[in-house]
Amino acid sequence: MAGSPSPSRPLDGRISVVTGASRGIGRAAALALAEAGAHVVAVARTQGALEELDDEIRRIGGSTTLVPLDLKDFDAIDRLGAAIHERWGKLDILIGNAGVLGVLMPLGHVDPKIWASTLDINVTANWRLIRSLDPLLRMSDAGRAIFVTSGAANSCRAYWGPYSVTKAALEALVRTYAAETESTAVRTMLVSPGALRTRMRRSAMPGEDPQTLRTPEDLAPHFVRLASPDWRETGLIYDFKQDRLLTPRAPE
C-alpha cells in the first residue's frame, strides 16, 4: 500500500468484509470503516437494507461492494472468498458480526431445527468465513479478524442455552484461530459489546427502556481501532462495557 494513511483515515485503501452489515452493530461498523477509508464488502441477507447502507456510505465519500448472502449458504461463503481473491488478491479486515438470538426457553424445549440454525449462524458460518478468507488475510500486510461475542458465553443464564452455547463455541473458535496465526501478520480479536440499543436486545429484553442503553454507533470506532494496522494484540476480548481488554482463562 503506497504512502501512509492520514490520522482521519487510518484504514485508507484497505479491503474489509462486514457480515450482518444491514443493521445494528454491523451497519455501524461498516459506516465507521468506510469513513476511516476502507472499502467495505457488506454482507447481509436483505438487498434493500444493503442498498440503503450503500447510499449512506457513498454520502460520506466511501465505497462498498454489496453481497446479498445468507450465511447458512456455506458454498456462497466459499464463492465470496474466491471473488475477493480474483478482484483484490487479499483481504485486510474481517468483521464477523452476524448472529442470531435463537430462542429463550428451557434446553429440553428447544426445537432441534432452531438449535441447528443458531449453531449454523453463530458458529459454523464464522468457521466457514475463516476457512474461506484466512488465505486472503495472510496475504495482507496486517490482516485483522474481529468477531462479535457476548457476555452470555460465560454467564450461562437459564433459558439462554442456544445463544450462550454458540457464543462460547465462537470464542473457542476465534481463540484457536488467533493461536494458529500468532506468528503471522494476522491479529484476531473478540468484541463483547454489552447491552446496546439493537433489535436483538429488544427481542431479548422487551421491557427494557432502550434509551438507557448505548448505541452501536458508540461502539463502532473501536472496530476501526482494532482493525488498524498498528493494532498488535491477538486472542483477547475487548469488553466495551468495561472499556478494557480481557485475557481468557489460562489453560490448566
Protein backbone atom coordinates (compact mmCIF):
# COMPACT_ATOMS: atom_id res chain seq x y z
CA MET A 1 0.00 0.00 0.00
CA ALA A 2 1.56 3.22 -1.15
CA GLY A 3 2.09 6.05 1.31
CA SER A 4 0.86 6.31 4.88
CA PRO A 5 -2.79 6.69 5.90
CA SER A 6 -3.85 10.03 7.33
CA PRO A 7 -4.92 10.19 11.01
CA SER A 8 -8.51 10.82 9.93
CA ARG A 9 -8.46 7.85 7.53
CA PRO A 10 -6.35 5.17 9.24
CA LEU A 11 -7.82 2.42 7.02
CA ASP A 12 -7.30 4.22 3.72
CA GLY A 13 -7.14 1.74 0.83
CA ARG A 14 -7.83 -1.33 2.95
CA ILE A 15 -10.37 -4.01 1.97
CA SER A 16 -12.87 -5.12 4.59
CA VAL A 17 -15.70 -7.64 4.90
CA VAL A 18 -18.52 -6.98 7.36
CA THR A 19 -21.22 -9.60 7.99
CA GLY A 20 -24.65 -8.63 9.24
CA ALA A 21 -23.95 -5.23 7.72
CA SER A 22 -27.54 -4.16 7.06
CA ARG A 23 -28.45 -3.09 10.60
CA GLY A 24 -27.33 -2.69 14.19
CA ILE A 25 -23.69 -3.27 15.09
CA GLY A 26 -22.76 -4.44 11.60
CA ARG A 27 -24.18 -1.35 9.92
CA ALA A 28 -22.47 0.98 12.38
CA ALA A 29 -19.17 -0.87 11.95
CA ALA A 30 -19.44 -0.74 8.15
CA LEU A 31 -20.04 3.02 8.22
CA ALA A 32 -17.13 3.59 10.61
CA LEU A 33 -14.75 1.51 8.48
CA ALA A 34 -15.84 3.34 5.33
CA GLU A 35 -15.41 6.73 6.96
CA ALA A 36 -11.90 5.62 8.02
CA GLY A 37 -11.07 4.89 4.37
CA ALA A 38 -11.73 1.17 3.97
CA HIS A 39 -13.64 -0.31 1.05
CA VAL A 40 -16.49 -2.27 2.64
CA VAL A 41 -17.69 -5.60 1.28
CA ALA A 42 -21.08 -5.52 3.01
CA VAL A 43 -22.69 -8.93 3.59
CA ALA A 44 -26.33 -9.35 4.67
CA ARG A 45 -29.49 -11.14 3.62
CA THR A 46 -31.60 -8.08 2.79
CA GLN A 47 -30.90 -6.38 -0.53
CA GLY A 48 -32.94 -3.27 0.27
CA ALA A 49 -31.17 -2.62 3.56
CA LEU A 50 -27.80 -3.13 1.87
CA GLU A 51 -28.72 -0.55 -0.76
CA GLU A 52 -29.63 1.92 1.99
CA LEU A 53 -26.22 1.28 3.58
CA ASP A 54 -24.55 1.83 0.22
CA ASP A 55 -26.31 5.19 -0.15
CA GLU A 56 -25.12 6.28 3.29
CA ILE A 57 -21.54 5.16 2.68
CA ARG A 58 -21.46 6.98 -0.65
CA ARG A 59 -22.82 10.07 1.09
CA ILE A 60 -19.79 10.14 3.41
CA GLY A 61 -17.40 9.58 0.50
CA GLY A 62 -16.82 5.87 0.98
CA SER A 63 -17.17 2.85 -1.30
CA THR A 64 -18.87 -0.53 -0.97
CA THR A 65 -19.46 -3.84 -2.65
CA LEU A 66 -22.85 -5.29 -1.74
CA VAL A 67 -23.15 -9.04 -1.21
CA PRO A 68 -26.69 -10.30 -0.51
CA LEU A 69 -25.92 -13.63 1.14
CA ASP A 70 -27.50 -15.97 3.66
CA LEU A 71 -24.63 -17.16 5.86
CA LYS A 72 -26.23 -20.60 6.05
CA ASP A 73 -25.33 -20.92 2.36
CA PHE A 74 -21.82 -22.17 3.10
CA ASP A 75 -20.90 -22.67 -0.56
CA ALA A 76 -21.67 -18.98 -1.13
CA ILE A 77 -19.11 -18.11 1.58
CA ASP A 78 -16.52 -20.06 -0.42
CA ARG A 79 -17.53 -18.16 -3.54
CA LEU A 80 -17.14 -14.89 -1.64
CA GLY A 81 -13.52 -15.75 -0.84
CA ALA A 82 -12.85 -16.66 -4.48
CA ALA A 83 -14.38 -13.39 -5.70
CA ILE A 84 -12.30 -11.29 -3.28
CA HIS A 85 -9.17 -13.13 -4.35
CA GLU A 86 -9.92 -12.50 -8.01
CA ARG A 87 -10.67 -8.81 -7.54
CA TRP A 88 -8.17 -7.72 -4.87
CA GLY A 89 -5.86 -10.66 -4.18
CA LYS A 90 -6.06 -10.09 -0.41
CA LEU A 91 -8.31 -9.11 2.49
CA ASP A 92 -7.24 -6.69 5.21
CA ILE A 93 -10.19 -6.78 7.62
CA LEU A 94 -12.90 -9.29 8.51
CA ILE A 95 -15.69 -8.27 10.90
CA GLY A 96 -17.67 -11.40 11.83
CA ASN A 97 -20.69 -9.70 13.33
CA ALA A 98 -23.79 -11.57 12.09
CA GLY A 99 -25.54 -13.56 14.78
CA VAL A 100 -28.97 -14.69 15.96
CA LEU A 101 -30.52 -14.97 19.40
CA GLY A 102 -32.24 -18.27 18.76
CA VAL A 103 -34.95 -18.80 21.37
CA LEU A 104 -35.21 -18.16 25.10
CA MET A 105 -36.60 -21.33 26.66
CA PRO A 106 -35.50 -24.39 28.64
CA LEU A 107 -32.96 -26.53 26.82
CA GLY A 108 -35.29 -29.51 26.77
CA HIS A 109 -37.91 -27.50 24.90
CA VAL A 110 -35.69 -26.12 22.11
CA ASP A 111 -36.69 -27.34 18.67
CA PRO A 112 -33.78 -29.19 17.02
CA LYS A 113 -34.15 -27.09 13.86
CA ILE A 114 -33.77 -23.85 15.86
CA TRP A 115 -30.76 -25.31 17.70
CA ALA A 116 -29.12 -26.26 14.40
CA SER A 117 -29.91 -22.89 12.78
CA THR A 118 -28.44 -20.96 15.73
CA LEU A 119 -25.30 -23.07 15.58
CA ASP A 120 -25.06 -22.60 11.81
CA ILE A 121 -25.17 -18.79 12.00
CA ASN A 122 -23.26 -18.11 15.22
CA VAL A 123 -20.53 -20.73 14.89
CA THR A 124 -20.32 -22.69 11.64
CA ALA A 125 -20.70 -19.65 9.39
CA ASN A 126 -17.80 -17.97 11.18
CA TRP A 127 -15.68 -21.09 10.79
CA ARG A 128 -16.54 -21.13 7.08
CA LEU A 129 -15.57 -17.45 6.84
CA ILE A 130 -12.21 -18.24 8.45
CA ARG A 131 -11.78 -21.23 6.15
CA SER A 132 -12.56 -19.16 3.06
CA LEU A 133 -10.85 -15.89 3.98
CA ASP A 134 -7.80 -16.95 6.02
CA PRO A 135 -5.53 -17.22 2.93
CA LEU A 136 -6.57 -13.70 1.92
CA LEU A 137 -5.97 -12.27 5.40
CA ARG A 138 -2.50 -13.81 5.35
CA MET A 139 -1.80 -12.01 2.05
CA SER A 140 -2.39 -8.65 3.78
CA ASP A 141 0.49 -6.79 5.39
CA ALA A 142 -1.73 -6.52 8.50
CA GLY A 143 -4.75 -8.82 8.37
CA ARG A 144 -7.31 -8.18 11.09
CA ALA A 145 -10.13 -10.59 12.04
CA ILE A 146 -12.65 -9.35 14.61
CA PHE A 147 -15.66 -11.34 15.83
CA VAL A 148 -18.59 -10.24 17.99
CA THR A 149 -19.20 -12.30 21.12
CA SER A 150 -21.34 -11.77 24.23
CA GLY A 151 -21.16 -11.98 27.99
CA ALA A 152 -23.70 -14.78 27.58
CA ALA A 153 -20.78 -17.03 26.65
CA ASN A 154 -19.84 -17.11 30.33
CA SER A 155 -22.97 -16.12 32.28
CA CYS A 156 -24.95 -19.22 31.20
CA ARG A 157 -28.29 -17.87 32.40
CA ALA A 158 -31.35 -20.06 32.46
CA TYR A 159 -33.23 -20.25 29.15
CA TRP A 160 -30.38 -18.65 27.14
CA GLY A 161 -28.92 -22.04 26.17
CA PRO A 162 -28.63 -21.85 22.36
CA TYR A 163 -27.18 -18.33 22.41
CA SER A 164 -24.80 -18.95 25.34
CA VAL A 165 -23.53 -22.24 23.93
CA THR A 166 -22.90 -20.84 20.47
CA LYS A 167 -21.12 -17.73 21.75
CA ALA A 168 -18.90 -19.89 23.97
CA ALA A 169 -18.09 -22.03 20.94
CA LEU A 170 -17.38 -18.90 18.88
CA GLU A 171 -14.89 -17.72 21.49
CA ALA A 172 -13.09 -21.08 21.38
CA LEU A 173 -13.06 -20.95 17.58
CA VAL A 174 -11.62 -17.43 17.45
CA ARG A 175 -9.04 -18.05 20.16
CA THR A 176 -7.87 -21.15 18.29
CA TYR A 177 -7.54 -19.13 15.09
CA ALA A 178 -5.59 -16.47 16.99
CA ALA A 179 -3.17 -19.12 18.24
CA GLU A 180 -2.74 -20.52 14.74
CA THR A 181 -1.95 -17.09 13.27
CA GLU A 182 0.11 -15.70 16.16
CA SER A 183 3.37 -15.87 14.20
CA THR A 184 1.84 -14.17 11.13
CA ALA A 185 0.75 -10.61 10.39
CA VAL A 186 -2.87 -11.54 11.20
CA ARG A 187 -4.26 -10.29 14.52
CA THR A 188 -7.53 -11.79 15.77
CA MET A 189 -9.83 -10.26 18.39
CA LEU A 190 -13.23 -10.72 20.01
CA VAL A 191 -15.52 -7.81 20.86
CA SER A 192 -18.10 -8.08 23.66
CA PRO A 193 -20.49 -5.14 23.14
CA GLY A 194 -22.57 -5.47 26.30
CA ALA A 195 -26.11 -4.08 26.30
CA LEU A 196 -26.67 -1.95 23.19
CA ARG A 197 -29.76 -0.48 21.55
CA THR A 198 -30.27 -3.21 18.92
CA ARG A 199 -33.16 -5.24 17.57
CA MET A 200 -31.74 -8.40 19.15
CA ARG A 201 -31.55 -6.74 22.57
CA ARG A 202 -35.14 -5.54 22.21
CA SER A 203 -36.27 -9.10 21.42
CA ALA A 204 -34.44 -10.50 24.43
CA MET A 205 -35.43 -7.72 26.86
CA PRO A 206 -38.78 -6.32 25.66
CA GLY A 207 -39.48 -4.46 28.92
CA GLU A 208 -36.19 -2.55 28.90
CA ASP A 209 -36.08 1.16 28.11
CA PRO A 210 -33.81 1.38 25.02
CA GLN A 211 -33.00 5.00 25.80
CA THR A 212 -30.95 3.80 28.79
CA LEU A 213 -28.59 1.87 26.50
CA ARG A 214 -25.60 2.91 24.45
CA THR A 215 -25.86 2.56 20.69
CA PRO A 216 -23.98 0.59 18.02
CA GLU A 217 -22.60 3.93 16.83
CA ASP A 218 -20.93 4.35 20.24
CA LEU A 219 -19.14 1.02 19.75
CA ALA A 220 -18.23 1.48 16.07
CA PRO A 221 -14.97 3.49 16.48
CA HIS A 222 -13.48 0.57 18.40
CA PHE A 223 -13.79 -1.64 15.31
CA VAL A 224 -11.65 0.91 13.47
CA ARG A 225 -9.09 0.82 16.27
CA LEU A 226 -8.91 -2.98 16.33
CA ALA A 227 -8.81 -3.15 12.53
CA SER A 228 -5.94 -0.69 12.17
CA PRO A 229 -2.52 -1.92 11.00
CA ASP A 230 -0.92 -0.65 14.21
CA TRP A 231 -3.08 -2.90 16.45
CA ARG A 232 -0.80 -5.58 17.96
CA GLU A 233 -2.84 -7.67 20.44
CA THR A 234 -4.34 -11.02 19.44
CA GLY A 235 -6.58 -13.62 21.02
CA LEU A 236 -8.14 -11.21 23.53
CA ILE A 237 -11.65 -9.90 24.21
CA TYR A 238 -12.35 -6.19 24.06
CA ASP A 239 -15.09 -5.58 26.63
CA PHE A 240 -16.89 -2.42 25.56
CA LYS A 241 -18.89 -2.10 28.78
CA GLN A 242 -15.70 -2.00 30.87
CA ASP A 243 -13.56 -0.46 28.12
CA ARG A 244 -10.74 -2.90 28.70
CA LEU A 245 -9.08 -5.97 27.26
CA LEU A 246 -9.87 -9.29 28.87
CA THR A 247 -7.48 -12.21 28.80
CA PRO A 248 -9.33 -15.54 28.50
CA ARG A 249 -8.72 -18.05 31.27
CA ALA A 250 -5.24 -19.54 31.03
CA PRO A 251 -5.09 -23.28 30.29
CA GLU A 252 -4.61 -25.56 33.28
